[in-house]
């Protein structure tokens, strides 16, 4: 009897531990995205981006943007610029392309694709992300 119940009991305990681990860290509602300090500024009007992280977090699976996240790193904060740090706008893994490439997980790529499907996602530089003042 114990051999039959033990696998089910273990699965329930594992599920509860996973749920507890996920709830153990706080998902920030807003984050500020700014280029690495060593990178040259590409334009004078480019500002820091106030990103509605919480809004996106309830609509998009975490793995879509946090593509290096794993069950071993769940809940650890790694700034995007820690990996995407090249200031060459043509570098596919650089800081600029992380936000501006043609498809997801890039912000602009995702918004452009959703807009093409009839969405109302903002895509303009200064009307969507780099809002003045």
N, C-alpha and C. Protein backbone atom coordinates (compact mmCIF):
# COMPACT_ATOMS: atom_id res chain seq x y z
N UNK A 1 0.82 -1.20 0.00
CA UNK A 1 0.00 0.00 0.00
C UNK A 1 0.86 1.26 0.00
N UNK A 2 1.90 1.25 0.85
CA UNK A 2 2.79 2.41 0.95
C UNK A 2 3.49 2.68 -0.38
N UNK A 3 3.87 1.62 -1.09
CA UNK A 3 4.53 1.79 -2.39
C UNK A 3 3.62 2.44 -3.41
N UNK A 4 2.31 2.25 -3.28
CA UNK A 4 1.36 2.85 -4.21
C UNK A 4 1.07 4.30 -3.86
N UNK A 5 1.06 4.65 -2.59
CA UNK A 5 0.71 5.99 -2.12
C UNK A 5 1.92 6.93 -2.16
N UNK A 6 3.10 6.41 -1.93
CA UNK A 6 4.31 7.23 -1.84
C UNK A 6 4.56 8.10 -3.08
N UNK A 7 4.44 7.58 -4.30
CA UNK A 7 4.67 8.45 -5.47
C UNK A 7 3.68 9.62 -5.54
N UNK A 8 2.42 9.38 -5.20
CA UNK A 8 1.42 10.45 -5.21
C UNK A 8 1.70 11.48 -4.13
N UNK A 9 2.05 11.00 -2.94
CA UNK A 9 2.39 11.89 -1.84
C UNK A 9 3.61 12.74 -2.19
N UNK A 10 4.61 12.12 -2.79
CA UNK A 10 5.82 12.85 -3.20
C UNK A 10 5.49 13.93 -4.23
N UNK A 11 4.60 13.61 -5.16
CA UNK A 11 4.21 14.58 -6.19
C UNK A 11 3.50 15.78 -5.56
N UNK A 12 2.64 15.53 -4.59
CA UNK A 12 1.92 16.61 -3.90
C UNK A 12 2.90 17.50 -3.14
N UNK A 13 3.83 16.89 -2.44
CA UNK A 13 4.83 17.66 -1.68
C UNK A 13 5.68 18.49 -2.63
N UNK A 14 6.11 17.92 -3.73
CA UNK A 14 6.91 18.64 -4.72
C UNK A 14 6.13 19.82 -5.29
N UNK A 15 4.86 19.61 -5.59
CA UNK A 15 4.02 20.69 -6.12
C UNK A 15 3.89 21.82 -5.10
N UNK A 16 3.69 21.49 -3.84
CA UNK A 16 3.57 22.51 -2.80
C UNK A 16 4.87 23.27 -2.61
N UNK A 17 6.00 22.58 -2.69
CA UNK A 17 7.30 23.26 -2.58
C UNK A 17 7.53 24.19 -3.76
N UNK A 18 7.14 23.78 -4.95
CA UNK A 18 7.29 24.62 -6.14
C UNK A 18 6.44 25.88 -6.01
N UNK A 19 5.19 25.72 -5.59
CA UNK A 19 4.30 26.88 -5.41
C UNK A 19 4.88 27.82 -4.37
N UNK A 20 5.39 27.29 -3.28
CA UNK A 20 5.99 28.11 -2.23
C UNK A 20 7.20 28.86 -2.75
N UNK A 21 8.03 28.19 -3.55
CA UNK A 21 9.23 28.83 -4.10
C UNK A 21 8.85 29.97 -5.03
N UNK A 22 7.83 29.77 -5.84
CA UNK A 22 7.40 30.81 -6.78
C UNK A 22 6.86 32.01 -6.01
N UNK A 23 6.15 31.77 -4.92
CA UNK A 23 5.57 32.86 -4.14
C UNK A 23 6.60 33.53 -3.24
N UNK A 24 7.79 32.95 -3.12
CA UNK A 24 8.79 33.46 -2.19
C UNK A 24 9.47 34.73 -2.66
N UNK A 25 9.32 35.09 -3.91
CA UNK A 25 9.94 36.31 -4.39
C UNK A 25 8.87 37.22 -4.98
N UNK A 26 9.16 38.49 -4.94
CA UNK A 26 8.21 39.49 -5.40
C UNK A 26 8.49 39.88 -6.84
N UNK A 27 7.44 39.91 -7.64
CA UNK A 27 7.56 40.35 -9.03
C UNK A 27 7.34 41.85 -9.04
N UNK A 28 8.33 42.64 -9.46
CA UNK A 28 8.17 44.10 -9.44
C UNK A 28 7.10 44.58 -10.41
N UNK A 29 6.30 45.56 -9.97
CA UNK A 29 5.25 46.11 -10.82
C UNK A 29 5.85 46.95 -11.94
N UNK A 30 6.85 47.77 -11.61
CA UNK A 30 7.51 48.62 -12.60
C UNK A 30 9.02 48.46 -12.44
N UNK A 31 9.71 48.52 -13.58
CA UNK A 31 11.17 48.55 -13.54
C UNK A 31 11.64 49.65 -14.49
N UNK A 32 12.83 50.15 -14.25
CA UNK A 32 13.41 51.17 -15.13
C UNK A 32 14.53 50.51 -15.92
N UNK A 33 14.44 50.64 -17.23
CA UNK A 33 15.45 50.08 -18.13
C UNK A 33 16.31 51.22 -18.63
N UNK A 34 17.61 51.13 -18.39
CA UNK A 34 18.51 52.15 -18.91
C UNK A 34 19.75 51.47 -19.48
N UNK A 35 20.31 52.11 -20.47
CA UNK A 35 21.46 51.54 -21.14
C UNK A 35 22.64 51.44 -20.17
N UNK A 36 23.53 50.49 -20.39
CA UNK A 36 24.72 50.39 -19.54
C UNK A 36 25.50 51.71 -19.57
N UNK A 37 26.02 52.13 -18.46
CA UNK A 37 26.68 53.43 -18.35
C UNK A 37 27.87 53.58 -19.30
N UNK A 38 28.52 52.48 -19.64
CA UNK A 38 29.68 52.57 -20.55
C UNK A 38 29.28 52.72 -22.01
N UNK A 39 28.02 52.45 -22.33
CA UNK A 39 27.57 52.54 -23.73
C UNK A 39 27.34 53.98 -24.14
N UNK A 40 27.73 54.28 -25.38
CA UNK A 40 27.52 55.63 -25.89
C UNK A 40 26.04 55.83 -26.17
N UNK A 41 25.58 57.04 -26.02
CA UNK A 41 24.19 57.37 -26.28
C UNK A 41 23.99 57.47 -27.79
N UNK A 42 22.96 56.80 -28.31
CA UNK A 42 22.73 56.77 -29.75
C UNK A 42 22.01 58.03 -30.23
N UNK A 43 21.16 58.61 -29.41
CA UNK A 43 20.43 59.82 -29.76
C UNK A 43 20.22 60.67 -28.50
N UNK A 44 20.03 61.96 -28.68
CA UNK A 44 19.86 62.85 -27.53
C UNK A 44 18.49 62.68 -26.88
N UNK A 45 17.48 62.24 -27.63
CA UNK A 45 16.13 62.12 -27.08
C UNK A 45 15.87 60.78 -26.39
N UNK A 46 16.81 59.85 -26.43
CA UNK A 46 16.61 58.54 -25.80
C UNK A 46 16.64 58.70 -24.28
N UNK A 47 15.58 58.26 -23.64
CA UNK A 47 15.46 58.36 -22.19
C UNK A 47 15.44 56.97 -21.56
N UNK A 48 15.51 56.95 -20.24
CA UNK A 48 15.29 55.70 -19.51
C UNK A 48 13.86 55.27 -19.81
N UNK A 49 13.62 53.98 -19.74
CA UNK A 49 12.29 53.46 -20.01
C UNK A 49 11.67 52.93 -18.73
N UNK A 50 10.52 53.48 -18.38
CA UNK A 50 9.75 52.96 -17.25
C UNK A 50 8.87 51.85 -17.80
N UNK A 51 9.18 50.62 -17.44
CA UNK A 51 8.52 49.45 -18.01
C UNK A 51 7.49 48.89 -17.04
N UNK A 52 6.27 48.71 -17.53
CA UNK A 52 5.17 48.15 -16.73
C UNK A 52 5.34 46.63 -16.63
N UNK A 53 6.28 46.21 -15.80
CA UNK A 53 6.63 44.80 -15.68
C UNK A 53 5.46 43.96 -15.19
N UNK A 54 4.76 44.43 -14.18
CA UNK A 54 3.64 43.67 -13.62
C UNK A 54 2.54 43.46 -14.64
N UNK A 55 2.24 44.49 -15.42
CA UNK A 55 1.23 44.41 -16.48
C UNK A 55 1.58 43.31 -17.47
N UNK A 56 2.85 43.26 -17.87
CA UNK A 56 3.29 42.26 -18.83
C UNK A 56 3.40 40.87 -18.18
N UNK A 57 3.81 40.82 -16.91
CA UNK A 57 4.05 39.55 -16.23
C UNK A 57 2.79 38.71 -16.09
N UNK A 58 1.62 39.33 -16.03
CA UNK A 58 0.39 38.55 -15.92
C UNK A 58 -0.18 38.16 -17.28
N UNK A 59 0.44 38.65 -18.35
CA UNK A 59 -0.06 38.37 -19.70
C UNK A 59 0.88 37.50 -20.54
N UNK A 60 2.16 37.50 -20.19
CA UNK A 60 3.17 36.82 -20.99
C UNK A 60 3.96 35.89 -20.08
N UNK A 61 4.19 34.66 -20.49
CA UNK A 61 5.01 33.76 -19.66
C UNK A 61 6.41 34.36 -19.43
N UNK A 62 6.90 34.24 -18.22
CA UNK A 62 8.20 34.81 -17.84
C UNK A 62 9.31 34.40 -18.81
N UNK A 63 9.29 33.13 -19.20
CA UNK A 63 10.34 32.57 -20.06
C UNK A 63 10.42 33.28 -21.42
N UNK A 64 9.34 33.93 -21.84
CA UNK A 64 9.33 34.62 -23.13
C UNK A 64 10.39 35.73 -23.14
N UNK A 65 10.52 36.47 -22.06
CA UNK A 65 11.52 37.54 -21.98
C UNK A 65 12.78 37.08 -21.23
N UNK A 66 12.55 36.39 -20.12
CA UNK A 66 13.67 35.90 -19.31
C UNK A 66 14.11 34.55 -19.87
N UNK A 67 14.64 34.58 -21.10
CA UNK A 67 14.92 33.36 -21.83
C UNK A 67 16.07 32.54 -21.27
N UNK A 68 16.84 33.08 -20.35
CA UNK A 68 17.91 32.32 -19.71
C UNK A 68 17.48 31.80 -18.34
N UNK A 69 16.26 32.11 -17.93
CA UNK A 69 15.72 31.66 -16.63
C UNK A 69 15.55 30.15 -16.66
N UNK A 70 15.79 29.52 -15.54
CA UNK A 70 15.58 28.08 -15.43
C UNK A 70 15.01 27.79 -14.05
N UNK A 71 14.68 26.55 -13.79
CA UNK A 71 14.15 26.21 -12.47
C UNK A 71 15.21 26.43 -11.39
N UNK A 72 16.48 26.47 -11.78
CA UNK A 72 17.55 26.70 -10.81
C UNK A 72 17.76 28.19 -10.50
N UNK A 73 17.34 29.06 -11.41
CA UNK A 73 17.54 30.50 -11.21
C UNK A 73 16.23 31.23 -10.93
N UNK A 74 15.12 30.50 -10.83
CA UNK A 74 13.81 31.10 -10.64
C UNK A 74 13.82 32.06 -9.45
N UNK A 75 13.45 33.29 -9.71
CA UNK A 75 13.37 34.30 -8.66
C UNK A 75 14.63 35.12 -8.48
N UNK A 76 15.72 34.75 -9.13
CA UNK A 76 16.93 35.55 -9.05
C UNK A 76 16.83 36.66 -10.09
N UNK A 77 17.22 37.85 -9.71
CA UNK A 77 17.13 38.97 -10.62
C UNK A 77 18.44 39.14 -11.35
N UNK A 78 18.38 39.07 -12.66
CA UNK A 78 19.54 39.35 -13.49
C UNK A 78 19.12 40.46 -14.45
N UNK A 79 19.76 41.61 -14.35
CA UNK A 79 19.42 42.72 -15.23
C UNK A 79 19.72 42.34 -16.67
N UNK A 80 18.85 42.74 -17.57
CA UNK A 80 19.03 42.43 -19.00
C UNK A 80 20.39 42.89 -19.49
N UNK A 81 20.82 44.06 -19.02
CA UNK A 81 22.09 44.63 -19.49
C UNK A 81 23.30 43.83 -18.99
N UNK A 82 23.09 42.91 -18.04
CA UNK A 82 24.20 42.06 -17.61
C UNK A 82 24.66 41.14 -18.74
N UNK A 83 23.74 40.74 -19.60
CA UNK A 83 24.10 39.90 -20.76
C UNK A 83 24.08 40.71 -22.06
N UNK A 84 23.06 41.55 -22.21
CA UNK A 84 22.91 42.37 -23.42
C UNK A 84 23.60 43.71 -23.17
N UNK A 85 24.92 43.75 -23.34
CA UNK A 85 25.65 44.95 -22.94
C UNK A 85 26.46 45.63 -24.05
N UNK A 86 26.54 45.03 -25.21
CA UNK A 86 27.28 45.65 -26.30
C UNK A 86 26.58 46.93 -26.74
N UNK A 87 27.34 47.98 -27.03
CA UNK A 87 26.70 49.23 -27.48
C UNK A 87 26.63 49.34 -29.00
N UNK A 88 26.99 48.26 -29.71
CA UNK A 88 26.87 48.25 -31.16
C UNK A 88 25.41 47.95 -31.53
N UNK A 89 24.68 48.90 -32.13
CA UNK A 89 23.27 48.66 -32.44
C UNK A 89 23.04 47.55 -33.46
N UNK A 90 24.09 47.10 -34.13
CA UNK A 90 23.96 46.01 -35.09
C UNK A 90 24.25 44.63 -34.49
N UNK A 91 24.75 44.62 -33.25
CA UNK A 91 25.06 43.36 -32.56
C UNK A 91 23.73 42.71 -32.16
N UNK A 92 23.44 41.53 -32.70
CA UNK A 92 22.15 40.87 -32.45
C UNK A 92 21.90 40.56 -30.99
N UNK A 93 22.95 40.43 -30.19
CA UNK A 93 22.77 40.16 -28.76
C UNK A 93 23.07 41.39 -27.92
N UNK A 94 23.28 42.53 -28.55
CA UNK A 94 23.60 43.76 -27.84
C UNK A 94 22.40 44.39 -27.16
N UNK A 95 22.66 45.44 -26.41
CA UNK A 95 21.63 46.12 -25.62
C UNK A 95 20.51 46.68 -26.49
N UNK A 96 20.86 47.35 -27.58
CA UNK A 96 19.85 47.96 -28.45
C UNK A 96 18.94 46.89 -29.05
N UNK A 97 19.53 45.82 -29.58
CA UNK A 97 18.73 44.78 -30.25
C UNK A 97 17.87 43.98 -29.28
N UNK A 98 18.23 43.94 -28.01
CA UNK A 98 17.40 43.25 -27.03
C UNK A 98 16.00 43.86 -26.97
N UNK A 99 15.90 45.13 -27.28
CA UNK A 99 14.61 45.85 -27.22
C UNK A 99 14.03 46.15 -28.60
N UNK A 100 14.86 46.13 -29.63
CA UNK A 100 14.43 46.63 -30.94
C UNK A 100 14.54 45.62 -32.09
N UNK A 101 14.70 44.34 -31.83
CA UNK A 101 14.81 43.39 -32.94
C UNK A 101 13.43 43.10 -33.54
N UNK A 102 13.42 42.33 -34.62
CA UNK A 102 12.19 42.11 -35.39
C UNK A 102 11.13 41.27 -34.68
N UNK A 103 11.50 40.41 -33.81
CA UNK A 103 10.50 39.54 -33.18
C UNK A 103 10.71 39.40 -31.69
N UNK A 104 9.80 38.67 -31.02
CA UNK A 104 9.96 38.43 -29.59
C UNK A 104 11.28 37.71 -29.32
N UNK A 105 11.91 37.90 -28.18
CA UNK A 105 11.40 38.58 -27.00
C UNK A 105 11.60 40.09 -26.99
N UNK A 106 12.03 40.68 -28.07
CA UNK A 106 12.21 42.13 -28.14
C UNK A 106 10.88 42.85 -27.92
N UNK A 107 10.90 43.95 -27.18
CA UNK A 107 9.69 44.76 -26.93
C UNK A 107 9.07 45.22 -28.25
N UNK A 108 9.89 45.86 -29.07
CA UNK A 108 9.39 46.40 -30.33
C UNK A 108 8.90 45.28 -31.26
N UNK A 109 9.64 44.18 -31.31
CA UNK A 109 9.25 43.06 -32.16
C UNK A 109 7.92 42.47 -31.74
N UNK A 110 7.73 42.29 -30.45
CA UNK A 110 6.48 41.72 -29.93
C UNK A 110 5.31 42.69 -30.20
N UNK A 111 5.50 43.96 -29.88
CA UNK A 111 4.44 44.95 -30.09
C UNK A 111 4.10 45.08 -31.57
N UNK A 112 5.09 45.04 -32.45
CA UNK A 112 4.84 45.14 -33.88
C UNK A 112 4.04 43.94 -34.38
N UNK A 113 4.41 42.74 -33.93
CA UNK A 113 3.67 41.54 -34.32
C UNK A 113 2.23 41.58 -33.83
N UNK A 114 2.03 42.02 -32.61
CA UNK A 114 0.68 42.08 -32.06
C UNK A 114 -0.15 43.15 -32.77
N UNK A 115 0.47 44.25 -33.10
CA UNK A 115 -0.22 45.31 -33.85
C UNK A 115 -0.65 44.80 -35.21
N UNK A 116 0.20 44.01 -35.87
CA UNK A 116 -0.12 43.46 -37.19
C UNK A 116 -1.33 42.52 -37.11
N UNK A 117 -1.57 41.95 -35.93
CA UNK A 117 -2.72 41.06 -35.74
C UNK A 117 -3.96 41.81 -35.27
N UNK A 118 -3.89 43.16 -35.30
CA UNK A 118 -5.05 43.95 -34.92
C UNK A 118 -5.01 44.54 -33.53
N UNK A 119 -3.91 44.36 -32.81
CA UNK A 119 -3.80 44.92 -31.47
C UNK A 119 -3.57 46.42 -31.49
N UNK A 120 -3.64 47.03 -30.33
CA UNK A 120 -3.43 48.48 -30.22
C UNK A 120 -2.14 48.80 -29.46
N UNK A 121 -1.18 47.90 -29.56
CA UNK A 121 0.08 48.04 -28.83
C UNK A 121 0.87 49.24 -29.32
N UNK A 122 1.39 50.06 -28.39
CA UNK A 122 2.18 51.22 -28.81
C UNK A 122 3.51 50.78 -29.41
N UNK A 123 3.90 51.44 -30.51
CA UNK A 123 5.18 51.11 -31.15
C UNK A 123 6.05 52.31 -31.43
N UNK A 124 5.57 53.51 -31.24
CA UNK A 124 6.36 54.70 -31.52
C UNK A 124 7.43 54.94 -30.47
N UNK A 125 8.58 55.41 -30.90
CA UNK A 125 9.71 55.61 -29.97
C UNK A 125 9.32 56.52 -28.81
N UNK A 126 8.90 57.73 -29.12
CA UNK A 126 8.62 58.72 -28.05
C UNK A 126 7.18 58.65 -27.56
N UNK A 127 6.33 57.85 -28.21
CA UNK A 127 4.96 57.71 -27.72
C UNK A 127 4.76 56.42 -26.93
N UNK A 128 5.67 55.50 -27.08
CA UNK A 128 5.54 54.23 -26.38
C UNK A 128 6.56 54.07 -25.23
N UNK A 129 7.82 54.13 -25.54
CA UNK A 129 8.85 53.84 -24.55
C UNK A 129 9.63 55.06 -24.06
N UNK A 130 10.16 55.81 -24.98
CA UNK A 130 11.04 56.95 -24.65
C UNK A 130 10.24 58.24 -24.57
N UNK A 131 9.30 58.27 -23.65
CA UNK A 131 8.43 59.45 -23.52
C UNK A 131 9.22 60.61 -22.93
N UNK A 132 9.16 61.77 -23.57
CA UNK A 132 9.91 62.94 -23.07
C UNK A 132 9.37 63.41 -21.72
N UNK A 133 10.33 63.87 -20.89
CA UNK A 133 10.01 64.49 -19.60
C UNK A 133 9.18 63.64 -18.78
